[in-house]
């Protein structure tokens, strides 16, 4: 329940930390491409209507994941650290809107 409360009311940094923890399905403190693809599928299912008019590649989880990795995985390791993830989210307007935008109802 605390996790949901942080997502709804937390600071942007708390939201990023919680998102990373939730997305890190196997708990190894790294986001693999497969983990991020699964999360992209779920996120698009939840907020897809917000993205009407978005470029087609923004609506395809696999293509989004590849784009995200090209942007965030600077050292081409095949996974994202928390720091890469947080920096990348802050620099990606589409993802930042989904995770951090108070207008989407994340804050109350």
PDB file of N, CA and C in Angstrom:
ATOM      1  N   UNK A   1       0.812  -1.194   0.000  1.00  0.00           N
ATOM      2  CA  UNK A   1       0.000   0.000   0.000  1.00  0.00           C
ATOM      3  C   UNK A   1       0.856   1.258   0.000  1.00  0.00           C
ATOM      4  N   UNK A   2       1.996   1.230   0.692  1.00  0.00           N
ATOM      5  CA  UNK A   2       2.902   2.366   0.705  1.00  0.00           C
ATOM      6  C   UNK A   2       3.385   2.681  -0.703  1.00  0.00           C
ATOM      7  N   UNK A   3       3.653   1.648  -1.504  1.00  0.00           N
ATOM      8  CA  UNK A   3       4.112   1.858  -2.875  1.00  0.00           C
ATOM      9  C   UNK A   3       3.101   2.641  -3.683  1.00  0.00           C
ATOM     10  N   UNK A   4       1.839   2.309  -3.577  1.00  0.00           N
ATOM     11  CA  UNK A   4       0.792   3.013  -4.306  1.00  0.00           C
ATOM     12  C   UNK A   4       0.711   4.450  -3.822  1.00  0.00           C
ATOM     13  N   UNK A   5       0.833   4.672  -2.522  1.00  0.00           N
ATOM     14  CA  UNK A   5       0.783   6.016  -1.968  1.00  0.00           C
ATOM     15  C   UNK A   5       1.925   6.867  -2.525  1.00  0.00           C
ATOM     16  N   UNK A   6       3.128   6.308  -2.623  1.00  0.00           N
ATOM     17  CA  UNK A   6       4.264   7.056  -3.164  1.00  0.00           C
ATOM     18  C   UNK A   6       4.020   7.399  -4.625  1.00  0.00           C
ATOM     19  N   UNK A   7       3.499   6.458  -5.386  1.00  0.00           N
ATOM     20  CA  UNK A   7       3.228   6.720  -6.793  1.00  0.00           C
ATOM     21  C   UNK A   7       2.200   7.840  -6.927  1.00  0.00           C
ATOM     22  N   UNK A   8       1.208   7.869  -6.054  1.00  0.00           N
ATOM     23  CA  UNK A   8       0.157   8.879  -6.148  1.00  0.00           C
ATOM     24  C   UNK A   8       0.585  10.213  -5.563  1.00  0.00           C
ATOM     25  N   UNK A   9       1.355  10.199  -4.508  1.00  0.00           N
ATOM     26  CA  UNK A   9       1.642  11.445  -3.796  1.00  0.00           C
ATOM     27  C   UNK A   9       3.110  11.760  -3.655  1.00  0.00           C
ATOM     28  N   UNK A  10       3.955  10.877  -4.054  1.00  0.00           N
ATOM     29  CA  UNK A  10       5.379  11.070  -3.849  1.00  0.00           C
ATOM     30  C   UNK A  10       5.972  12.188  -4.681  1.00  0.00           C
ATOM     31  N   UNK A  11       7.174  12.550  -4.301  1.00  0.00           N
ATOM     32  CA  UNK A  11       7.933  13.523  -5.082  1.00  0.00           C
ATOM     33  C   UNK A  11       8.325  12.873  -6.407  1.00  0.00           C
ATOM     34  N   UNK A  12       8.715  13.654  -7.387  1.00  0.00           N
ATOM     35  CA  UNK A  12       9.178  13.043  -8.640  1.00  0.00           C
ATOM     36  C   UNK A  12      10.301  12.021  -8.421  1.00  0.00           C
ATOM     37  N   UNK A  13      11.236  12.319  -7.529  1.00  0.00           N
ATOM     38  CA  UNK A  13      12.331  11.367  -7.265  1.00  0.00           C
ATOM     39  C   UNK A  13      11.799  10.076  -6.649  1.00  0.00           C
ATOM     40  N   UNK A  14      10.856  10.189  -5.719  1.00  0.00           N
ATOM     41  CA  UNK A  14      10.258   8.986  -5.127  1.00  0.00           C
ATOM     42  C   UNK A  14       9.507   8.181  -6.184  1.00  0.00           C
ATOM     43  N   UNK A  15       8.828   8.860  -7.079  1.00  0.00           N
ATOM     44  CA  UNK A  15       8.116   8.168  -8.157  1.00  0.00           C
ATOM     45  C   UNK A  15       9.085   7.421  -9.065  1.00  0.00           C
ATOM     46  N   UNK A  16      10.203   8.073  -9.394  1.00  0.00           N
ATOM     47  CA  UNK A  16      11.207   7.419 -10.241  1.00  0.00           C
ATOM     48  C   UNK A  16      11.783   6.185  -9.554  1.00  0.00           C
ATOM     49  N   UNK A  17      12.113   6.315  -8.271  1.00  0.00           N
ATOM     50  CA  UNK A  17      12.664   5.178  -7.535  1.00  0.00           C
ATOM     51  C   UNK A  17      11.655   4.039  -7.465  1.00  0.00           C
ATOM     52  N   UNK A  18      10.403   4.365  -7.211  1.00  0.00           N
ATOM     53  CA  UNK A  18       9.378   3.336  -7.124  1.00  0.00           C
ATOM     54  C   UNK A  18       9.167   2.687  -8.488  1.00  0.00           C
ATOM     55  N   UNK A  19       9.124   3.487  -9.535  1.00  0.00           N
ATOM     56  CA  UNK A  19       8.944   2.932 -10.878  1.00  0.00           C
ATOM     57  C   UNK A  19      10.084   1.974 -11.204  1.00  0.00           C
ATOM     58  N   UNK A  20      11.313   2.383 -10.926  1.00  0.00           N
ATOM     59  CA  UNK A  20      12.457   1.515 -11.219  1.00  0.00           C
ATOM     60  C   UNK A  20      12.334   0.193 -10.457  1.00  0.00           C
ATOM     61  N   UNK A  21      11.982   0.279  -9.194  1.00  0.00           N
ATOM     62  CA  UNK A  21      11.838  -0.926  -8.366  1.00  0.00           C
ATOM     63  C   UNK A  21      10.733  -1.828  -8.910  1.00  0.00           C
ATOM     64  N   UNK A  22       9.619  -1.243  -9.305  1.00  0.00           N
ATOM     65  CA  UNK A  22       8.516  -2.035  -9.857  1.00  0.00           C
ATOM     66  C   UNK A  22       8.881  -2.647 -11.208  1.00  0.00           C
ATOM     67  N   UNK A  23       9.603  -1.902 -12.027  1.00  0.00           N
ATOM     68  CA  UNK A  23       9.968  -2.372 -13.358  1.00  0.00           C
ATOM     69  C   UNK A  23      11.048  -3.446 -13.308  1.00  0.00           C
ATOM     70  N   UNK A  24      11.866  -3.415 -12.270  1.00  0.00           N
ATOM     71  CA  UNK A  24      12.955  -4.393 -12.115  1.00  0.00           C
ATOM     72  C   UNK A  24      12.355  -5.708 -11.617  1.00  0.00           C
ATOM     73  N   UNK A  25      11.745  -6.429 -12.522  1.00  0.00           N
ATOM     74  CA  UNK A  25      10.949  -7.612 -12.186  1.00  0.00           C
ATOM     75  C   UNK A  25      11.744  -8.658 -11.422  1.00  0.00           C
ATOM     76  N   UNK A  26      12.998  -8.889 -11.818  1.00  0.00           N
ATOM     77  CA  UNK A  26      13.791  -9.925 -11.146  1.00  0.00           C
ATOM     78  C   UNK A  26      14.598  -9.397  -9.952  1.00  0.00           C
ATOM     79  N   UNK A  27      14.517  -8.098  -9.677  1.00  0.00           N
ATOM     80  CA  UNK A  27      15.145  -7.531  -8.492  1.00  0.00           C
ATOM     81  C   UNK A  27      16.658  -7.434  -8.534  1.00  0.00           C
ATOM     82  N   UNK A  28      17.255  -7.449  -9.724  1.00  0.00           N
ATOM     83  CA  UNK A  28      18.719  -7.412  -9.807  1.00  0.00           C
ATOM     84  C   UNK A  28      19.287  -5.998  -9.903  1.00  0.00           C
ATOM     85  N   UNK A  29      18.435  -4.984  -9.711  1.00  0.00           N
ATOM     86  CA  UNK A  29      18.819  -3.578  -9.747  1.00  0.00           C
ATOM     87  C   UNK A  29      19.291  -3.129 -11.128  1.00  0.00           C
ATOM     88  N   UNK A  30      18.807  -3.826 -12.147  1.00  0.00           N
ATOM     89  CA  UNK A  30      19.070  -3.482 -13.542  1.00  0.00           C
ATOM     90  C   UNK A  30      17.774  -3.690 -14.307  1.00  0.00           C
ATOM     91  N   UNK A  31      17.524  -2.836 -15.282  1.00  0.00           N
ATOM     92  CA  UNK A  31      16.364  -3.032 -16.147  1.00  0.00           C
ATOM     93  C   UNK A  31      16.841  -3.640 -17.455  1.00  0.00           C
ATOM     94  N   UNK A  32      16.431  -4.864 -17.703  1.00  0.00           N
ATOM     95  CA  UNK A  32      16.750  -5.548 -18.954  1.00  0.00           C
ATOM     96  C   UNK A  32      15.716  -5.155 -20.003  1.00  0.00           C
ATOM     97  N   UNK A  33      16.042  -5.375 -21.262  1.00  0.00           N
ATOM     98  CA  UNK A  33      15.118  -5.031 -22.348  1.00  0.00           C
ATOM     99  C   UNK A  33      13.781  -5.741 -22.193  1.00  0.00           C
ATOM    100  N   UNK A  34      13.807  -7.016 -21.826  1.00  0.00           N
ATOM    101  CA  UNK A  34      12.558  -7.766 -21.682  1.00  0.00           C
ATOM    102  C   UNK A  34      11.687  -7.183 -20.574  1.00  0.00           C
ATOM    103  N   UNK A  35      12.308  -6.789 -19.458  1.00  0.00           N
ATOM    104  CA  UNK A  35      11.540  -6.180 -18.369  1.00  0.00           C
ATOM    105  C   UNK A  35      10.890  -4.884 -18.845  1.00  0.00           C
ATOM    106  N   UNK A  36      11.649  -4.070 -19.545  1.00  0.00           N
ATOM    107  CA  UNK A  36      11.114  -2.799 -19.997  1.00  0.00           C
ATOM    108  C   UNK A  36      10.039  -2.985 -21.062  1.00  0.00           C
ATOM    109  N   UNK A  37      10.178  -3.979 -21.904  1.00  0.00           N
ATOM    110  CA  UNK A  37       9.146  -4.264 -22.903  1.00  0.00           C
ATOM    111  C   UNK A  37       7.841  -4.639 -22.215  1.00  0.00           C
ATOM    112  N   UNK A  38       7.917  -5.481 -21.188  1.00  0.00           N
ATOM    113  CA  UNK A  38       6.703  -5.871 -20.452  1.00  0.00           C
ATOM    114  C   UNK A  38       6.053  -4.669 -19.782  1.00  0.00           C
ATOM    115  N   UNK A  39       6.861  -3.800 -19.215  1.00  0.00           N
ATOM    116  CA  UNK A  39       6.332  -2.602 -18.570  1.00  0.00           C
ATOM    117  C   UNK A  39       5.712  -1.672 -19.603  1.00  0.00           C
ATOM    118  N   UNK A  40       6.380  -1.522 -20.750  1.00  0.00           N
ATOM    119  CA  UNK A  40       5.813  -0.685 -21.816  1.00  0.00           C
ATOM    120  C   UNK A  40       4.454  -1.203 -22.265  1.00  0.00           C
ATOM    121  N   UNK A  41       4.319  -2.524 -22.362  1.00  0.00           N
ATOM    122  CA  UNK A  41       3.016  -3.099 -22.728  1.00  0.00           C
ATOM    123  C   UNK A  41       1.954  -2.697 -21.712  1.00  0.00           C
ATOM    124  N   UNK A  42       2.282  -2.843 -20.436  1.00  0.00           N
ATOM    125  CA  UNK A  42       1.331  -2.518 -19.376  1.00  0.00           C
ATOM    126  C   UNK A  42       1.015  -1.022 -19.347  1.00  0.00           C
ATOM    127  N   UNK A  43       2.042  -0.190 -19.475  1.00  0.00           N
ATOM    128  CA  UNK A  43       1.833   1.263 -19.444  1.00  0.00           C
ATOM    129  C   UNK A  43       0.960   1.713 -20.610  1.00  0.00           C
ATOM    130  N   UNK A  44       1.236   1.181 -21.779  1.00  0.00           N
ATOM    131  CA  UNK A  44       0.437   1.571 -22.940  1.00  0.00           C
ATOM    132  C   UNK A  44      -1.007   1.102 -22.806  1.00  0.00           C
ATOM    133  N   UNK A  45      -1.202  -0.039 -22.183  1.00  0.00           N
ATOM    134  CA  UNK A  45      -2.567  -0.515 -21.949  1.00  0.00           C
ATOM    135  C   UNK A  45      -3.302   0.428 -20.992  1.00  0.00           C
ATOM    136  N   UNK A  46      -2.584   0.969 -20.016  1.00  0.00           N
ATOM    137  CA  UNK A  46      -3.196   1.863 -19.033  1.00  0.00           C
ATOM    138  C   UNK A  46      -3.427   3.266 -19.564  1.00  0.00           C
ATOM    139  N   UNK A  47      -2.478   3.797 -20.301  1.00  0.00           N
ATOM    140  CA  UNK A  47      -2.563   5.198 -20.706  1.00  0.00           C
ATOM    141  C   UNK A  47      -2.628   5.375 -22.213  1.00  0.00           C
ATOM    142  N   UNK A  48      -2.904   4.331 -22.925  1.00  0.00           N
ATOM    143  CA  UNK A  48      -2.930   4.392 -24.383  1.00  0.00           C
ATOM    144  C   UNK A  48      -3.836   5.467 -24.936  1.00  0.00           C
ATOM    145  N   UNK A  49      -4.965   5.716 -24.281  1.00  0.00           N
ATOM    146  CA  UNK A  49      -5.888   6.727 -24.797  1.00  0.00           C
ATOM    147  C   UNK A  49      -5.290   8.127 -24.725  1.00  0.00           C
ATOM    148  N   UNK A  50      -4.391   8.349 -23.804  1.00  0.00           N
ATOM    149  CA  UNK A  50      -3.718   9.642 -23.692  1.00  0.00           C
ATOM    150  C   UNK A  50      -2.820   9.862 -24.902  1.00  0.00           C
ATOM    151  N   UNK A  51      -2.359   8.763 -25.468  1.00  0.00           N
ATOM    152  CA  UNK A  51      -1.371   8.831 -26.525  1.00  0.00           C
ATOM    153  C   UNK A  51      -1.976   8.813 -27.925  1.00  0.00           C
ATOM    154  N   UNK A  52      -3.273   9.051 -28.019  1.00  0.00           N
ATOM    155  CA  UNK A  52      -3.909   9.137 -29.333  1.00  0.00           C
ATOM    156  C   UNK A  52      -3.221  10.251 -30.115  1.00  0.00           C
ATOM    157  N   UNK A  53      -2.849   9.952 -31.318  1.00  0.00           N
ATOM    158  CA  UNK A  53      -2.134  10.919 -32.139  1.00  0.00           C
ATOM    159  C   UNK A  53      -0.627  10.811 -32.011  1.00  0.00           C
ATOM    160  N   UNK A  54      -0.150   9.950 -31.116  1.00  0.00           N
ATOM    161  CA  UNK A  54       1.293   9.750 -30.963  1.00  0.00           C
ATOM    162  C   UNK A  54       1.824   9.004 -32.178  1.00  0.00           C
ATOM    163  N   UNK A  55       3.113   9.151 -32.415  1.00  0.00           N
ATOM    164  CA  UNK A  55       3.752   8.421 -33.510  1.00  0.00           C
ATOM    165  C   UNK A  55       3.547   6.925 -33.285  1.00  0.00           C
ATOM    166  N   UNK A  56       3.423   6.190 -34.378  1.00  0.00           N
ATOM    167  CA  UNK A  56       3.138   4.757 -34.278  1.00  0.00           C
ATOM    168  C   UNK A  56       4.184   4.019 -33.453  1.00  0.00           C
ATOM    169  N   UNK A  57       5.455   4.416 -33.560  1.00  0.00           N
ATOM    170  CA  UNK A  57       6.481   3.715 -32.788  1.00  0.00           C
ATOM    171  C   UNK A  57       6.317   3.930 -31.291  1.00  0.00           C
ATOM    172  N   UNK A  58       5.621   5.003 -30.890  1.00  0.00           N
ATOM    173  CA  UNK A  58       5.356   5.220 -29.467  1.00  0.00           C
ATOM    174  C   UNK A  58       4.298   4.251 -28.951  1.00  0.00           C
ATOM    175  N   UNK A  59       3.531   3.655 -29.831  1.00  0.00           N
ATOM    176  CA  UNK A  59       2.460   2.747 -29.436  1.00  0.00           C
ATOM    177  C   UNK A  59       2.860   1.282 -29.554  1.00  0.00           C
ATOM    178  N   UNK A  60       4.082   1.009 -29.980  1.00  0.00           N
ATOM    179  CA  UNK A  60       4.588  -0.362 -30.108  1.00  0.00           C
ATOM    180  C   UNK A  60       5.602  -0.603 -29.000  1.00  0.00           C
ATOM    181  N   UNK A  61       5.291  -1.467 -28.015  1.00  0.00           N
ATOM    182  CA  UNK A  61       6.184  -1.663 -26.872  1.00  0.00           C
ATOM    183  C   UNK A  61       7.611  -2.067 -27.244  1.00  0.00           C
ATOM    184  N   UNK A  62       7.778  -2.932 -28.221  1.00  0.00           N
ATOM    185  CA  UNK A  62       9.122  -3.374 -28.598  1.00  0.00           C
ATOM    186  C   UNK A  62       9.930  -2.239 -29.220  1.00  0.00           C
ATOM    187  N   UNK A  63       9.291  -1.476 -30.083  1.00  0.00           N
ATOM    188  CA  UNK A  63       9.986  -0.354 -30.716  1.00  0.00           C
ATOM    189  C   UNK A  63      10.314   0.715 -29.681  1.00  0.00           C
ATOM    190  N   UNK A  64       9.375   0.987 -28.780  1.00  0.00           N
ATOM    191  CA  UNK A  64       9.633   1.956 -27.696  1.00  0.00           C
ATOM    192  C   UNK A  64      10.819   1.519 -26.863  1.00  0.00           C
ATOM    193  N   UNK A  65      10.867   0.234 -26.520  1.00  0.00           N
ATOM    194  CA  UNK A  65      11.969  -0.266 -25.697  1.00  0.00           C
ATOM    195  C   UNK A  65      13.302  -0.077 -26.412  1.00  0.00           C
ATOM    196  N   UNK A  66      13.349  -0.405 -27.690  1.00  0.00           N
ATOM    197  CA  UNK A  66      14.597  -0.226 -28.452  1.00  0.00           C
ATOM    198  C   UNK A  66      15.013   1.239 -28.472  1.00  0.00           C
ATOM    199  N   UNK A  67      14.046   2.136 -28.679  1.00  0.00           N
ATOM    200  CA  UNK A  67      14.357   3.568 -28.686  1.00  0.00           C
ATOM    201  C   UNK A  67      14.857   4.024 -27.324  1.00  0.00           C
ATOM    202  N   UNK A  68      14.179   3.567 -26.275  1.00  0.00           N
ATOM    203  CA  UNK A  68      14.579   3.939 -24.920  1.00  0.00           C
ATOM    204  C   UNK A  68      16.003   3.469 -24.637  1.00  0.00           C
ATOM    205  N   UNK A  69      16.305   2.246 -25.019  1.00  0.00           N
ATOM    206  CA  UNK A  69      17.650   1.733 -24.779  1.00  0.00           C
ATOM    207  C   UNK A  69      18.697   2.500 -25.580  1.00  0.00           C
ATOM    208  N   UNK A  70      18.367   2.872 -26.817  1.00  0.00           N
ATOM    209  CA  UNK A  70      19.320   3.672 -27.611  1.00  0.00           C
ATOM    210  C   UNK A  70      19.617   4.993 -26.915  1.00  0.00           C
ATOM    211  N   UNK A  71      18.603   5.582 -26.303  1.00  0.00           N
ATOM    212  CA  UNK A  71      18.764   6.875 -25.640  1.00  0.00           C
ATOM    213  C   UNK A  71      19.412   6.757 -24.259  1.00  0.00           C
ATOM    214  N   UNK A  72      19.049   5.738 -23.501  1.00  0.00           N
ATOM    215  CA  UNK A  72      19.448   5.673 -22.094  1.00  0.00           C
ATOM    216  C   UNK A  72      20.663   4.802 -21.806  1.00  0.00           C
ATOM    217  N   UNK A  73      20.849   3.742 -22.556  1.00  0.00           N
ATOM    218  CA  UNK A  73      21.960   2.811 -22.293  1.00  0.00           C
ATOM    219  C   UNK A  73      23.216   3.327 -22.996  1.00  0.00           C
ATOM    220  N   UNK A  74      23.806   4.359 -22.420  1.00  0.00           N
ATOM    221  CA  UNK A  74      24.932   5.055 -23.047  1.00  0.00           C
ATOM    222  C   UNK A  74      26.131   4.150 -23.292  1.00  0.00           C
ATOM    223  N   UNK A  75      26.360   3.203 -22.406  1.00  0.00           N
ATOM    224  CA  UNK A  75      27.522   2.317 -22.535  1.00  0.00           C
ATOM    225  C   UNK A  75      27.192   1.024 -23.276  1.00  0.00           C
ATOM    226  N   UNK A  76      25.970   0.898 -23.752  1.00  0.00           N
ATOM    227  CA  UNK A  76      25.532  -0.269 -24.530  1.00  0.00           C
ATOM    228  C   UNK A  76      25.780  -1.589 -23.794  1.00  0.00           C
ATOM    229  N   UNK A  77      25.381  -1.612 -22.521  1.00  0.00           N
ATOM    230  CA  UNK A  77      25.541  -2.801 -21.681  1.00  0.00           C
ATOM    231  C   UNK A  77      24.409  -3.806 -21.874  1.00  0.00           C
ATOM    232  N   UNK A  78      23.276  -3.329 -22.384  1.00  0.00           N
ATOM    233  CA  UNK A  78      22.125  -4.200 -22.541  1.00  0.00           C
ATOM    234  C   UNK A  78      21.177  -4.149 -21.357  1.00  0.00           C
ATOM    235  N   UNK A  79      21.431  -3.246 -20.412  1.00  0.00           N
ATOM    236  CA  UNK A  79      20.544  -3.035 -19.271  1.00  0.00           C
ATOM    237  C   UNK A  79      20.687  -1.582 -18.825  1.00  0.00           C
ATOM    238  N   UNK A  80      19.725  -1.130 -18.033  1.00  0.00           N
ATOM    239  CA  UNK A  80      19.749   0.230 -17.509  1.00  0.00           C
ATOM    240  C   UNK A  80      19.950   0.214 -16.006  1.00  0.00           C
ATOM    241  N   UNK A  81      20.835   1.074 -15.512  1.00  0.00           N
ATOM    242  CA  UNK A  81      20.972   1.289 -14.086  1.00  0.00           C
ATOM    243  C   UNK A  81      19.916   2.302 -13.651  1.00  0.00           C
ATOM    244  N   UNK A  82      19.750   2.472 -12.352  1.00  0.00           N
ATOM    245  CA  UNK A  82      18.786   3.466 -11.876  1.00  0.00           C
ATOM    246  C   UNK A  82      19.151   4.854 -12.388  1.00  0.00           C
ATOM    247  N   UNK A  83      20.431   5.215 -12.323  1.00  0.00           N
ATOM    248  CA  UNK A  83      20.848   6.547 -12.747  1.00  0.00           C
ATOM    249  C   UNK A  83      20.535   6.793 -14.225  1.00  0.00           C
ATOM    250  N   UNK A  84      20.796   5.814 -15.067  1.00  0.00           N
ATOM    251  CA  UNK A  84      20.474   5.945 -16.493  1.00  0.00           C
ATOM    252  C   UNK A  84      18.963   6.078 -16.684  1.00  0.00           C
ATOM    253  N   UNK A  85      18.225   5.251 -15.967  1.00  0.00           N
ATOM    254  CA  UNK A  85      16.766   5.268 -16.045  1.00  0.00           C
ATOM    255  C   UNK A  85      16.221   6.639 -15.634  1.00  0.00           C
ATOM    256  N   UNK A  86      16.649   7.131 -14.480  1.00  0.00           N
ATOM    257  CA  UNK A  86      16.144   8.405 -13.964  1.00  0.00           C
ATOM    258  C   UNK A  86      16.488   9.554 -14.914  1.00  0.00           C
ATOM    259  N   UNK A  87      17.715   9.598 -15.374  1.00  0.00           N
ATOM    260  CA  UNK A  87      18.126  10.655 -16.295  1.00  0.00           C
ATOM    261  C   UNK A  87      17.347  10.566 -17.607  1.00  0.00           C
ATOM    262  N   UNK A  88      17.184   9.352 -18.096  1.00  0.00           N
ATOM    263  CA  UNK A  88      16.450   9.152 -19.336  1.00  0.00           C
ATOM    264  C   UNK A  88      14.995   9.550 -19.231  1.00  0.00           C
ATOM    265  N   UNK A  89      14.361   9.223 -18.124  1.00  0.00           N
ATOM    266  CA  UNK A  89      12.948   9.594 -17.915  1.00  0.00           C
ATOM    267  C   UNK A  89      12.809  11.110 -17.928  1.00  0.00           C
ATOM    268  N   UNK A  90      13.698  11.769 -17.220  1.00  0.00           N
ATOM    269  CA  UNK A  90      13.621  13.228 -17.132  1.00  0.00           C
ATOM    270  C   UNK A  90      13.803  13.887 -18.506  1.00  0.00           C
ATOM    271  N   UNK A  91      14.514  13.226 -19.399  1.00  0.00           N
ATOM    272  CA  UNK A  91      14.792  13.786 -20.727  1.00  0.00           C
ATOM    273  C   UNK A  91      13.844  13.284 -21.814  1.00  0.00           C
ATOM    274  N   UNK A  92      12.899  12.430 -21.473  1.00  0.00           N
ATOM    275  CA  UNK A  92      11.961  11.890 -22.465  1.00  0.00           C
ATOM    276  C   UNK A  92      10.573  12.430 -22.163  1.00  0.00           C
ATOM    277  N   UNK A  93      10.072  13.366 -22.959  1.00  0.00           N
ATOM    278  CA  UNK A  93       8.794  14.004 -22.623  1.00  0.00           C
ATOM    279  C   UNK A  93       7.607  13.043 -22.554  1.00  0.00           C
ATOM    280  N   UNK A  94       7.594  11.996 -23.384  1.00  0.00           N
ATOM    281  CA  UNK A  94       6.471  11.053 -23.372  1.00  0.00           C
ATOM    282  C   UNK A  94       6.466  10.254 -22.074  1.00  0.00           C
ATOM    283  N   UNK A  95       7.606   9.698 -21.710  1.00  0.00           N
ATOM    284  CA  UNK A  95       7.681   8.888 -20.492  1.00  0.00           C
ATOM    285  C   UNK A  95       7.515   9.775 -19.267  1.00  0.00           C
ATOM    286  N   UNK A  96       8.143  10.933 -19.262  1.00  0.00           N
ATOM    287  CA  UNK A  96       8.021  11.840 -18.123  1.00  0.00           C
ATOM    288  C   UNK A  96       6.566  12.204 -17.882  1.00  0.00           C
ATOM    289  N   UNK A  97       5.817  12.423 -18.961  1.00  0.00           N
ATOM    290  CA  UNK A  97       4.400  12.762 -18.808  1.00  0.00           C
ATOM    291  C   UNK A  97       3.639  11.620 -18.140  1.00  0.00           C
ATOM    292  N   UNK A  98       3.936  10.377 -18.559  1.00  0.00           N
ATOM    293  CA  UNK A  98       3.233   9.231 -17.977  1.00  0.00           C
ATOM    294  C   UNK A  98       3.578   9.048 -16.504  1.00  0.00           C
ATOM    295  N   UNK A  99       4.826   9.252 -16.137  1.00  0.00           N
ATOM    296  CA  UNK A  99       5.250   8.962 -14.764  1.00  0.00           C
ATOM    297  C   UNK A  99       5.168  10.153 -13.820  1.00  0.00           C
ATOM    298  N   UNK A 100       5.405  11.339 -14.325  1.00  0.00           N
ATOM    299  CA  UNK A 100       5.615  12.465 -13.431  1.00  0.00           C
ATOM    300  C   UNK A 100       4.570  13.566 -13.512  1.00  0.00           C
ATOM    301  N   UNK A 101       3.719  13.548 -14.514  1.00  0.00           N
ATOM    302  CA  UNK A 101       2.767  14.626 -14.730  1.00  0.00           C
ATOM    303  C   UNK A 101       1.621  14.541 -13.727  1.00  0.00           C
ATOM    304  N   UNK A 102       1.516  15.568 -12.902  1.00  0.00           N
ATOM    305  CA  UNK A 102       0.447  15.609 -11.903  1.00  0.00           C
ATOM    306  C   UNK A 102      -0.937  15.706 -12.536  1.00  0.00           C
ATOM    307  N   UNK A 103      -1.034  16.198 -13.756  1.00  0.00           N
ATOM    308  CA  UNK A 103      -2.334  16.320 -14.420  1.00  0.00           C
ATOM    309  C   UNK A 103      -2.941  14.976 -14.766  1.00  0.00           C
ATOM    310  N   UNK A 104      -2.129  13.917 -14.732  1.00  0.00           N
ATOM    311  CA  UNK A 104      -2.661  12.589 -15.026  1.00  0.00           C
ATOM    312  C   UNK A 104      -3.241  11.916 -13.792  1.00  0.00           C
ATOM    313  N   UNK A 105      -3.282  12.641 -12.683  1.00  0.00           N
ATOM    314  CA  UNK A 105      -3.913  12.092 -11.497  1.00  0.00           C
ATOM    315  C   UNK A 105      -2.971  11.385 -10.555  1.00  0.00           C
ATOM    316  N   UNK A 106      -1.665  11.574 -10.721  1.00  0.00           N
ATOM    317  CA  UNK A 106      -0.735  10.915  -9.820  1.00  0.00           C
ATOM    318  C   UNK A 106      -0.684  11.583  -8.465  1.00  0.00           C
ATOM    319  N   UNK A 107      -1.039  12.836  -8.382  1.00  0.00           N
ATOM    320  CA  UNK A 107      -1.056  13.546  -7.095  1.00  0.00           C
ATOM    321  C   UNK A 107      -2.487  13.840  -6.705  1.00  0.00           C
ATOM    322  N   UNK A 108      -2.695  13.896  -5.433  1.00  0.00           N
ATOM    323  CA  UNK A 108      -4.036  14.242  -4.926  1.00  0.00           C
ATOM    324  C   UNK A 108      -3.901  15.233  -3.805  1.00  0.00           C
TER     325      UNK A 108
END
